[in-house]
Amino acid sequence: MKTSRYALLLLACFLAACNSSSKMTSAPAIRTYNATAAVGDFLTISIDSSTQTITYKNLTNGETGNVPYTVNSDGTYTITDPNGNLLAAYEVPGSALMVEAANAGPQRNSDALITAIESTPASISTFAGHSFNYIQFRTAAGGIELGTVTVDAQGDIQHDGYWPFGVLAQQSQFSGGTFPASSVSEDPSGNYFTINESNGSQSYVFGTQGGFFAVDTGNGTILGLPKAASKAFDASKAGTYTAIYYEKPNAQMGQNNNESGTPQEGKASVTIGSSGQVTVADASNNTLASGTLTAVADTSYIYDGTQNKLTDPLYGMFTFRSATSNSQQDVFIAFQGNAVIFSSFQTALPIQQNATYTYFYGVGLK
């Protein structure tokens, strides 16, 4: 399913804090972006509004182009790419760019939504001495993961995560690891760096306008969010958020990390009350999830202060569990500025290995 122009606008506003009017008047004619696609592609993209051309390079699969675009009445771009790689886009100039793409992925045969962020200086020293919460969105292996990332003063990276799908795979739901500073390679541009993993793969790390970071990996997209000062829910985050989401119902893992199930995208609403009551509903007003937020720090099956679970309380990350006699759903919520980031993993009870499951994730703007 192609992503709607509404979706492009919403996600662009999320990343750029919807300050499009001032950006339009102050942005230079040539803007450069780093970009990540959900299928694991990392790209560099440049837009020249004086000639109305887009130059792109997919560092993952080698696709390149310099192509013209036209501006539509709604502000979106129609891209004329003879190779059929880039199709349409929406830009908040100098901040964020969302692109509908085809021919993405290692085999150059996947449709994908590309999220592009203005190229800004980002090196390992940018994040040294800081700790972040993270959320990972995937298109296999249960879809979601959350946890913590710490970069020490020397640039060594330590991560610790919670993987809901692990309960079905008969694996631990908790895992962690380290990347030594020696695994980091700074790009000559100074705008991103790569982490060279022991299995030979690379992840690309770049900063965003909101003070957080994004990582393009072969296993999905990671958003790194600054930790909150307190575990308590901030009532100022209450309200109704208009969202888009990705869902894969009745999925099941097969061999070679292949996941069955037919994904779908759509509009949603996320309503949050002043005491943390949450309802997520689709465009037909069908409830996808409902419950009351509890801090991950107070959720003993995820964090209890021991080394057997998450080692960090993830201040700023919330969850709730809804269970019936035959199903269990875990929902995770985080906030970034005026946006809510949400995800869910649901499976049948009693838990059985290789059972089917449903997950969704998305972003909403208040």
Protein backbone atom coordinates (compact mmCIF):
# COMPACT_ATOMS: atom_id res chain seq x y z
CA MET A 1 0.00 0.00 0.00
CA LYS A 2 1.42 3.41 -0.91
CA THR A 3 1.79 5.89 1.94
CA SER A 4 -0.65 8.80 1.77
CA ARG A 5 0.30 12.46 1.45
CA TYR A 6 -1.28 12.85 4.90
CA ALA A 7 1.24 10.38 6.31
CA LEU A 8 4.14 12.25 4.73
CA LEU A 9 2.98 15.53 6.24
CA LEU A 10 2.38 14.04 9.67
CA LEU A 11 5.77 12.41 9.99
CA ALA A 12 7.55 15.43 8.57
CA CYS A 13 5.84 17.62 11.17
CA PHE A 14 6.83 15.15 13.90
CA LEU A 15 10.48 15.45 13.02
CA ALA A 16 10.46 19.17 12.30
CA ALA A 17 8.10 20.33 15.09
CA CYS A 18 5.72 21.63 12.38
CA ASN A 19 7.65 24.87 11.97
CA SER A 20 7.23 24.81 8.22
CA SER A 21 6.40 28.48 7.65
CA SER A 22 9.66 29.81 9.07
CA LYS A 23 11.64 27.05 7.36
CA MET A 24 10.12 27.90 4.00
CA THR A 25 11.35 31.47 4.16
CA SER A 26 14.81 30.80 5.60
CA ALA A 27 15.87 27.51 4.01
CA PRO A 28 18.72 27.67 1.46
CA ALA A 29 18.11 26.70 -2.15
CA ILE A 30 20.11 23.50 -1.71
CA ARG A 31 19.24 21.23 1.24
CA THR A 32 20.96 17.98 2.14
CA TYR A 33 19.53 15.09 4.15
CA ASN A 34 20.49 11.74 5.61
CA ALA A 35 17.75 9.15 5.29
CA THR A 36 16.64 5.74 6.52
CA ALA A 37 14.13 3.37 4.91
CA ALA A 38 12.18 0.76 6.86
CA VAL A 39 13.70 -2.02 4.76
CA GLY A 40 17.20 -1.15 5.95
CA ASP A 41 18.47 1.24 3.27
CA PHE A 42 20.61 4.27 4.14
CA LEU A 43 20.58 7.18 1.70
CA THR A 44 21.87 10.69 1.19
CA ILE A 45 19.48 13.08 -0.57
CA SER A 46 19.99 16.63 -1.82
CA ILE A 47 17.26 18.97 -3.06
CA ASP A 48 17.98 22.00 -5.24
CA SER A 49 14.86 24.15 -5.35
CA SER A 50 16.39 26.58 -7.86
CA THR A 51 16.56 23.85 -10.51
CA GLN A 52 13.84 21.63 -8.94
CA THR A 53 16.05 18.55 -8.94
CA ILE A 54 16.70 15.83 -6.40
CA THR A 55 20.01 14.00 -6.18
CA TYR A 56 20.08 10.75 -4.22
CA LYS A 57 22.48 7.95 -3.43
CA ASN A 58 21.41 4.71 -1.78
CA LEU A 59 24.52 3.59 0.09
CA THR A 60 22.95 0.18 0.75
CA ASN A 61 21.93 -1.05 -2.69
CA GLY A 62 23.85 1.33 -4.97
CA GLU A 63 20.86 3.08 -6.60
CA THR A 64 21.65 6.69 -7.60
CA GLY A 65 19.96 9.44 -9.54
CA ASN A 66 19.58 13.11 -10.33
CA VAL A 67 15.92 13.64 -11.14
CA PRO A 68 13.44 16.51 -11.62
CA TYR A 69 10.40 17.17 -9.47
CA THR A 70 7.35 19.42 -9.64
CA VAL A 71 5.51 21.04 -6.73
CA ASN A 72 1.81 20.20 -6.41
CA SER A 73 -0.88 22.55 -5.11
CA ASP A 74 -0.89 20.72 -1.75
CA GLY A 75 2.87 21.23 -1.33
CA THR A 76 3.86 17.66 -2.14
CA TYR A 77 6.41 16.82 -4.83
CA THR A 78 5.87 14.62 -7.86
CA ILE A 79 9.22 13.08 -8.77
CA THR A 80 10.02 12.00 -12.34
CA ASP A 81 12.58 9.26 -11.84
CA PRO A 82 13.26 7.20 -15.00
CA ASN A 83 14.48 4.35 -12.79
CA GLY A 84 11.25 4.41 -10.77
CA ASN A 85 13.07 4.59 -7.43
CA LEU A 86 11.65 7.82 -5.96
CA LEU A 87 7.97 8.55 -6.57
CA ALA A 88 6.72 11.42 -4.41
CA ALA A 89 7.80 13.48 -1.41
CA TYR A 90 6.87 16.09 1.16
CA GLU A 91 9.45 18.47 2.59
CA VAL A 92 9.70 20.86 5.48
CA PRO A 93 12.68 22.63 3.89
CA GLY A 94 15.88 22.38 5.85
CA SER A 95 14.40 20.06 8.48
CA ALA A 96 12.78 16.87 7.21
CA LEU A 97 11.83 15.10 4.01
CA MET A 98 9.48 12.13 3.57
CA VAL A 99 9.73 10.12 0.35
CA GLU A 100 7.61 7.40 -1.22
CA ALA A 101 10.01 4.93 -2.81
CA ALA A 102 9.99 1.76 -4.86
CA ASN A 103 12.84 -0.59 -5.73
CA ALA A 104 14.22 -0.30 -2.20
CA GLY A 105 15.93 -2.96 -0.13
CA PRO A 106 18.91 -5.20 -0.92
CA GLN A 107 17.08 -6.81 -3.86
CA ARG A 108 15.80 -3.44 -5.15
CA ASN A 109 12.22 -4.72 -5.18
CA SER A 110 10.48 -3.30 -2.09
CA ASP A 111 8.18 -0.33 -1.60
CA ALA A 112 9.24 1.76 1.39
CA LEU A 113 8.75 5.02 3.21
CA ILE A 114 11.99 6.97 3.53
CA THR A 115 12.48 9.27 6.53
CA ALA A 116 15.12 11.92 5.83
CA ILE A 117 16.63 14.33 8.33
CA GLU A 118 18.56 17.52 7.62
CA SER A 119 22.28 16.80 7.54
CA THR A 120 23.74 18.20 10.75
CA PRO A 121 27.06 17.49 12.44
CA ALA A 122 26.91 14.15 14.26
CA SER A 123 29.87 12.17 15.53
CA ILE A 124 30.30 9.71 18.34
CA SER A 125 31.41 12.62 20.52
CA THR A 126 27.96 14.20 19.99
CA PHE A 127 26.46 11.41 22.12
CA ALA A 128 29.41 10.62 24.40
CA GLY A 129 28.57 10.77 28.09
CA HIS A 130 24.81 10.42 27.51
CA SER A 131 22.16 7.75 27.93
CA PHE A 132 19.02 7.34 25.81
CA ASN A 133 15.87 5.27 25.62
CA TYR A 134 15.37 3.54 22.30
CA ILE A 135 12.52 2.08 20.27
CA GLN A 136 13.15 -0.21 17.32
CA PHE A 137 10.59 -0.78 14.56
CA ARG A 138 11.02 -3.88 12.41
CA THR A 139 9.08 -5.70 9.70
CA ALA A 140 9.86 -9.18 11.12
CA ALA A 141 10.56 -11.00 14.41
CA GLY A 142 7.66 -9.43 16.25
CA GLY A 143 8.08 -5.89 15.02
CA ILE A 144 9.26 -4.04 18.13
CA GLU A 145 11.97 -3.75 20.76
CA LEU A 146 12.74 -1.15 23.41
CA GLY A 147 15.56 -0.46 25.81
CA THR A 148 18.46 1.79 26.72
CA VAL A 149 21.67 2.90 25.04
CA THR A 150 24.62 4.48 26.84
CA VAL A 151 27.67 6.05 25.22
CA ASP A 152 30.55 6.55 27.64
CA ALA A 153 33.15 9.31 27.51
CA GLN A 154 35.49 7.13 25.43
CA GLY A 155 32.81 6.39 22.83
CA ASP A 156 32.10 2.80 23.89
CA ILE A 157 28.41 1.92 23.34
CA GLN A 158 26.37 -0.33 25.62
CA HIS A 159 22.79 -1.39 24.88
CA ASP A 160 20.22 -3.35 26.82
CA GLY A 161 16.84 -4.30 25.35
CA TYR A 162 13.46 -5.95 25.91
CA TRP A 163 12.02 -8.02 23.06
CA PRO A 164 8.37 -9.05 23.54
CA PHE A 165 8.54 -11.66 20.75
CA GLY A 166 11.19 -13.58 22.71
CA VAL A 167 8.46 -15.23 24.78
CA LEU A 168 7.24 -17.06 21.65
CA ALA A 169 10.69 -17.88 20.33
CA GLN A 170 11.59 -19.55 23.64
CA GLN A 171 14.46 -17.13 23.96
CA SER A 172 15.22 -14.59 26.63
CA GLN A 173 13.19 -11.42 26.26
CA PHE A 174 16.20 -9.47 27.52
CA SER A 175 19.47 -9.03 25.72
CA GLY A 176 22.32 -6.57 25.59
CA GLY A 177 25.76 -6.00 24.26
CA THR A 178 28.50 -3.52 23.57
CA PHE A 179 30.11 -1.87 20.60
CA PRO A 180 33.63 -0.66 21.36
CA ALA A 181 34.69 2.78 20.21
CA SER A 182 37.00 1.01 17.74
CA SER A 183 33.91 -0.24 15.84
CA VAL A 184 32.86 3.33 15.04
CA SER A 185 33.89 4.97 11.76
CA GLU A 186 33.27 8.68 11.30
CA ASP A 187 32.06 9.73 7.87
CA PRO A 188 34.22 12.44 6.25
CA SER A 189 31.13 14.65 5.94
CA GLY A 190 30.88 14.82 9.74
CA ASN A 191 27.12 14.33 9.48
CA TYR A 192 26.89 10.67 10.46
CA PHE A 193 28.97 7.73 11.59
CA THR A 194 28.81 3.99 11.12
CA ILE A 195 28.97 1.17 13.63
CA ASN A 196 30.75 -1.85 12.18
CA GLU A 197 29.27 -4.98 13.75
CA SER A 198 31.08 -8.27 14.27
CA ASN A 199 28.84 -10.03 11.71
CA GLY A 200 30.05 -7.68 8.99
CA SER A 201 26.96 -5.46 8.87
CA GLN A 202 26.94 -1.70 9.34
CA SER A 203 24.53 0.67 11.06
CA TYR A 204 24.35 4.36 10.19
CA VAL A 205 23.77 6.86 13.03
CA PHE A 206 22.67 10.46 12.48
CA GLY A 207 21.24 13.23 14.63
CA THR A 208 17.87 14.92 14.31
CA GLN A 209 16.47 18.38 14.94
CA GLY A 210 14.73 17.38 18.18
CA GLY A 211 17.87 16.41 20.10
CA PHE A 212 17.41 12.69 19.57
CA PHE A 213 19.02 10.35 17.04
CA ALA A 214 18.06 7.79 14.41
CA VAL A 215 19.86 4.63 13.37
CA ASP A 216 19.47 2.86 10.06
CA THR A 217 20.14 -0.86 10.46
CA GLY A 218 19.61 -3.94 8.36
CA ASN A 219 17.05 -4.98 10.97
CA GLY A 220 14.85 -1.89 11.01
CA THR A 221 14.89 1.69 12.22
CA ILE A 222 15.91 2.75 15.73
CA LEU A 223 14.82 6.01 17.36
CA GLY A 224 16.94 7.15 20.32
CA LEU A 225 15.05 9.42 22.74
CA PRO A 226 16.46 11.53 25.58
CA LYS A 227 15.46 10.15 28.97
CA ALA A 228 12.99 12.09 31.10
CA ALA A 229 14.01 13.52 34.46
CA SER A 230 11.27 11.58 36.26
CA LYS A 231 9.39 8.32 35.81
CA ALA A 232 6.07 10.12 36.37
CA PHE A 233 3.62 10.75 33.55
CA ASP A 234 3.55 14.42 32.52
CA ALA A 235 -0.11 15.51 32.35
CA SER A 236 0.78 18.11 29.71
CA LYS A 237 1.09 15.17 27.29
CA ALA A 238 -2.64 14.49 27.61
CA GLY A 239 -4.75 15.14 24.52
CA THR A 240 -5.72 13.61 21.21
CA TYR A 241 -3.03 12.70 18.70
CA THR A 242 -3.70 12.08 15.03
CA ALA A 243 -1.53 9.21 13.88
CA ILE A 244 -0.53 6.78 11.18
CA TYR A 245 0.42 3.24 12.00
CA TYR A 246 1.82 0.04 10.51
CA GLU A 247 0.19 -3.24 11.55
CA LYS A 248 0.83 -6.89 10.81
CA PRO A 249 -2.00 -9.11 12.11
CA ASN A 250 -1.74 -12.89 12.55
CA ALA A 251 1.97 -12.96 11.81
CA GLN A 252 4.14 -16.02 12.30
CA MET A 253 7.87 -16.54 12.09
CA GLY A 254 9.31 -19.01 9.60
CA GLN A 255 12.78 -20.06 8.59
CA ASN A 256 15.57 -17.57 7.80
CA ASN A 257 13.82 -14.76 9.72
CA ASN A 258 10.91 -14.73 7.27
CA GLU A 259 7.68 -13.54 8.84
CA SER A 260 4.29 -14.36 7.35
CA GLY A 261 1.36 -11.98 7.52
CA THR A 262 -0.03 -9.18 5.38
CA PRO A 263 0.96 -5.72 6.62
CA GLN A 264 -1.39 -2.76 6.43
CA GLU A 265 -1.15 0.96 7.10
CA GLY A 266 -3.81 3.41 8.14
CA LYS A 267 -4.81 6.46 10.12
CA ALA A 268 -5.39 6.21 13.85
CA SER A 269 -6.12 8.35 16.87
CA VAL A 270 -4.38 8.17 20.25
CA THR A 271 -6.35 9.72 23.09
CA ILE A 272 -4.53 10.24 26.40
CA GLY A 273 -6.24 11.46 29.56
CA SER A 274 -4.71 13.59 32.28
CA SER A 275 -4.13 10.53 34.47
CA GLY A 276 -2.58 8.49 31.68
CA GLN A 277 -5.65 6.68 30.35
CA VAL A 278 -4.98 5.66 26.73
CA THR A 279 -7.18 4.61 23.83
CA VAL A 280 -5.76 3.82 20.41
CA ALA A 281 -8.42 3.57 17.68
CA ASP A 282 -8.28 3.07 13.93
CA ALA A 283 -9.96 5.27 11.31
CA SER A 284 -13.22 3.33 11.72
CA ASN A 285 -13.11 3.97 15.48
CA ASN A 286 -12.32 0.34 16.28
CA THR A 287 -10.29 0.17 19.49
CA LEU A 288 -6.80 -1.23 18.90
CA ALA A 289 -5.67 -0.86 22.51
CA SER A 290 -6.80 0.72 25.76
CA GLY A 291 -5.41 0.95 29.27
CA THR A 292 -3.68 3.23 31.77
CA LEU A 293 -0.02 4.13 31.46
CA THR A 294 2.41 2.72 33.97
CA ALA A 295 6.06 3.73 34.00
CA VAL A 296 8.37 0.97 32.78
CA ALA A 297 10.29 1.74 35.98
CA ASP A 298 7.29 0.37 37.93
CA THR A 299 6.69 -2.67 35.71
CA SER A 300 8.33 -5.61 37.44
CA TYR A 301 8.27 -7.99 34.47
CA ILE A 302 10.40 -5.50 32.49
CA TYR A 303 12.44 -3.73 35.19
CA ASP A 304 12.95 -4.62 38.84
CA GLY A 305 16.42 -3.26 39.62
CA THR A 306 18.16 -6.61 39.13
CA GLN A 307 20.48 -7.82 36.39
CA ASN A 308 17.90 -10.39 35.24
CA LYS A 309 15.78 -7.81 33.38
CA LEU A 310 16.40 -4.34 31.96
CA THR A 311 19.23 -2.66 33.81
CA ASP A 312 17.73 0.84 33.38
CA PRO A 313 14.26 2.11 34.43
CA LEU A 314 13.73 3.96 31.12
CA TYR A 315 12.37 7.20 32.56
CA GLY A 316 9.98 8.60 29.96
CA MET A 317 8.88 5.20 28.66
CA PHE A 318 5.44 3.85 29.61
CA THR A 319 3.52 0.63 29.14
CA PHE A 320 0.36 -1.25 30.02
CA ARG A 321 -0.75 -4.86 29.66
CA SER A 322 -4.29 -5.94 28.73
CA ALA A 323 -5.08 -9.61 29.28
CA THR A 324 -8.15 -11.79 28.85
CA SER A 325 -8.56 -15.51 29.33
CA ASN A 326 -7.18 -16.17 25.86
CA SER A 327 -4.94 -13.23 24.84
CA GLN A 328 -2.33 -10.81 26.14
CA GLN A 329 -1.42 -7.40 24.71
CA ASP A 330 1.53 -5.23 25.74
CA VAL A 331 1.49 -1.57 24.68
CA PHE A 332 4.45 0.83 24.87
CA ILE A 333 4.28 4.63 24.74
CA ALA A 334 6.92 7.38 24.59
CA PHE A 335 6.76 11.09 23.86
CA GLN A 336 8.95 13.42 21.82
CA GLY A 337 7.90 17.06 21.77
CA ASN A 338 4.31 17.20 20.49
CA ALA A 339 4.43 13.63 19.21
CA VAL A 340 3.56 10.25 20.70
CA ILE A 341 5.37 7.08 19.62
CA PHE A 342 3.35 3.94 20.25
CA SER A 343 3.67 0.20 19.70
CA SER A 344 1.90 -3.03 20.64
CA PHE A 345 2.58 -6.78 20.68
CA GLN A 346 -0.26 -9.24 21.20
CA THR A 347 -0.46 -13.05 21.27
CA ALA A 348 -2.72 -15.84 22.50
CA LEU A 349 -2.77 -17.35 25.98
CA PRO A 350 -1.47 -19.76 27.05
CA ILE A 351 1.87 -18.86 25.46
CA GLN A 352 2.95 -21.42 22.87
CA GLN A 353 6.09 -21.60 20.80
CA ASN A 354 5.65 -20.51 17.17
CA ALA A 355 2.14 -19.17 17.82
CA THR A 356 0.71 -16.36 15.70
CA TYR A 357 0.86 -12.79 16.94
CA THR A 358 -0.15 -9.26 15.97
CA TYR A 359 1.88 -6.10 16.30
CA PHE A 360 1.53 -2.47 15.34
CA TYR A 361 3.49 0.73 15.76
CA GLY A 362 3.15 4.35 14.74
CA VAL A 363 3.59 8.04 15.39
CA GLY A 364 0.90 10.57 16.34
CA LEU A 365 0.94 14.37 16.40
CA LYS A 366 -1.08 16.49 18.84
